[in-house]
Amino acid sequence: MKLRITIDGKTYEVDVEVAEEPRVRAPLGYGIEPSAVRIPAGGPAPAAAPSGEEPADEDKVCRSRVAGTVVKVVAQPGQVIQPGDTLLVLEAMKMETNITAPVAGKVRTVRVSAGEAVKSGQIVVELE
């Protein structure tokens, strides 16, 4: 099918193909419509600090990737760590998740303790 489209006073002639019908059908009474997705330049924003938490130097903190309960704290203040070392273990949705060191360094403080609930993005360990 050919269409003629005018944009800002310029006319364009385009060929349009009719696509197959979508294989997914919405339940009766609901419609599925395409929607534009806007992605800001520069990629996704870093995780925001939970309310009441001061901004931190992201190179010197380790944040929880998931919300859960601290099962075990492995890291201790003063401990020298390497990237990938386990800092603590969280339980989320009946599964244990290791929170690991993002960079090499020395543990300054551990902000959580066993049994404590943490939020996704919460700072759990600070490095020197």
Protein backbone atom coordinates (compact mmCIF):
# COMPACT_ATOMS: atom_id res chain seq x y z
CA MET A 1 0.00 0.00 0.00
CA LYS A 2 1.33 3.47 -0.86
CA LEU A 3 0.70 6.50 1.30
CA ARG A 4 1.48 10.14 0.81
CA ILE A 5 2.48 11.91 4.04
CA THR A 6 3.14 15.64 4.49
CA ILE A 7 5.42 16.78 7.32
CA ASP A 8 6.31 20.45 7.78
CA GLY A 9 5.17 21.24 4.26
CA LYS A 10 7.25 18.44 2.65
CA THR A 11 5.38 15.58 1.00
CA TYR A 12 6.76 12.06 1.21
CA GLU A 13 5.52 9.01 -0.62
CA VAL A 14 5.97 5.80 1.38
CA ASP A 15 5.27 2.12 0.88
CA VAL A 16 3.49 0.48 3.82
CA GLU A 17 3.17 -3.24 4.45
CA VAL A 18 0.32 -4.61 6.52
CA ALA A 19 1.79 -6.57 9.40
CA GLU A 20 0.35 -9.81 10.71
CA GLU A 21 -2.23 -9.55 13.43
CA PRO A 22 -0.69 -9.81 16.88
CA ARG A 23 -0.79 -13.31 18.33
CA VAL A 24 -1.58 -12.03 21.80
CA ARG A 25 -5.17 -11.03 22.32
CA ALA A 26 -6.40 -8.89 25.18
CA PRO A 27 -9.21 -10.15 27.40
CA LEU A 28 -12.66 -8.96 26.42
CA GLY A 29 -13.11 -5.31 27.30
CA TYR A 30 -9.38 -4.50 27.27
CA GLY A 31 -7.32 -3.13 24.44
CA ILE A 32 -3.63 -3.36 23.63
CA GLU A 33 -2.12 -0.31 22.04
CA PRO A 34 1.48 0.49 21.17
CA SER A 35 3.13 3.07 23.36
CA ALA A 36 6.24 5.18 22.91
CA VAL A 37 9.07 4.46 25.32
CA ARG A 38 11.28 7.36 26.32
CA ILE A 39 14.82 6.56 27.39
CA PRO A 40 16.77 9.52 28.76
CA ALA A 41 20.15 10.23 27.22
CA GLY A 42 23.07 8.87 29.20
CA GLY A 43 21.42 5.60 30.26
CA PRO A 44 19.51 4.70 33.38
CA ALA A 45 19.86 6.79 36.51
CA PRO A 46 21.62 5.22 39.50
CA ALA A 47 19.43 3.78 42.23
CA ALA A 48 18.13 6.52 44.49
CA ALA A 49 19.06 6.42 48.14
CA PRO A 50 16.16 5.49 50.39
CA SER A 51 14.64 8.46 52.20
CA GLY A 52 16.67 9.63 55.18
CA GLU A 53 19.90 8.23 53.76
CA GLU A 54 22.62 10.68 52.83
CA PRO A 55 24.10 10.63 49.31
CA ALA A 56 27.22 8.50 49.09
CA ASP A 57 30.29 8.15 46.87
CA GLU A 58 29.05 5.27 44.70
CA ASP A 59 32.62 3.99 44.23
CA LYS A 60 32.86 3.37 47.97
CA VAL A 61 29.55 1.70 48.79
CA CYS A 62 27.87 -1.61 48.15
CA ARG A 63 24.09 -1.55 47.71
CA SER A 64 21.63 -4.40 48.00
CA ARG A 65 20.38 -5.53 44.58
CA VAL A 66 17.17 -6.92 46.05
CA ALA A 67 14.84 -6.38 48.98
CA GLY A 68 15.09 -9.10 51.58
CA THR A 69 16.22 -10.14 55.04
CA VAL A 70 19.88 -10.36 56.06
CA VAL A 71 20.65 -14.00 56.84
CA LYS A 72 24.39 -13.71 57.47
CA VAL A 73 26.95 -10.90 57.59
CA VAL A 74 30.34 -12.06 56.34
CA ALA A 75 32.27 -8.78 56.05
CA GLN A 76 33.73 -7.10 59.13
CA PRO A 77 35.03 -3.51 59.54
CA GLY A 78 38.73 -3.36 58.68
CA GLN A 79 38.58 -6.44 56.44
CA VAL A 80 40.40 -6.17 53.08
CA ILE A 81 38.18 -7.37 50.24
CA GLN A 82 38.51 -8.12 46.54
CA PRO A 83 35.88 -7.74 43.80
CA GLY A 84 33.39 -10.60 44.04
CA ASP A 85 34.03 -11.38 47.73
CA THR A 86 30.80 -12.17 49.58
CA LEU A 87 29.90 -9.37 52.00
CA LEU A 88 26.56 -10.69 53.24
CA VAL A 89 23.77 -13.10 52.39
CA LEU A 90 20.15 -12.00 51.91
CA GLU A 91 17.02 -14.11 51.76
CA ALA A 92 14.49 -12.89 49.23
CA MET A 93 11.48 -14.91 48.11
CA LYS A 94 12.79 -18.05 49.86
CA MET A 95 16.09 -17.85 47.96
CA GLU A 96 19.48 -16.79 49.28
CA THR A 97 21.36 -14.09 47.39
CA ASN A 98 25.03 -13.27 47.97
CA ILE A 99 25.79 -9.55 48.03
CA THR A 100 29.35 -9.25 46.74
CA ALA A 101 32.01 -6.55 46.72
CA PRO A 102 31.85 -4.41 43.57
CA VAL A 103 35.49 -3.28 43.92
CA ALA A 104 38.61 -4.03 45.96
CA GLY A 105 39.02 -2.10 49.19
CA LYS A 106 38.78 -2.12 52.93
CA VAL A 107 35.46 -2.37 54.78
CA ARG A 108 34.75 0.86 56.71
CA THR A 109 31.33 -0.02 58.12
CA VAL A 110 28.66 -2.66 57.77
CA ARG A 111 25.29 -0.89 57.98
CA VAL A 112 23.11 -3.97 58.50
CA SER A 113 22.96 -6.94 60.85
CA ALA A 114 21.53 -10.46 60.69
CA GLY A 115 17.72 -10.52 60.79
CA GLU A 116 17.36 -6.95 59.50
CA ALA A 117 15.13 -6.20 56.49
CA VAL A 118 16.76 -4.25 53.66
CA LYS A 119 15.35 -2.45 50.64
CA SER A 120 16.56 -2.75 47.07
CA GLY A 121 19.23 -0.10 46.52
CA GLN A 122 19.95 0.36 50.22
CA ILE A 123 23.60 0.84 51.20
CA VAL A 124 24.68 -2.24 53.16
CA VAL A 125 28.49 -1.81 53.30
CA GLU A 126 30.75 1.25 53.09
CA LEU A 127 34.34 0.97 51.89
CA GLU A 128 37.40 3.13 52.59
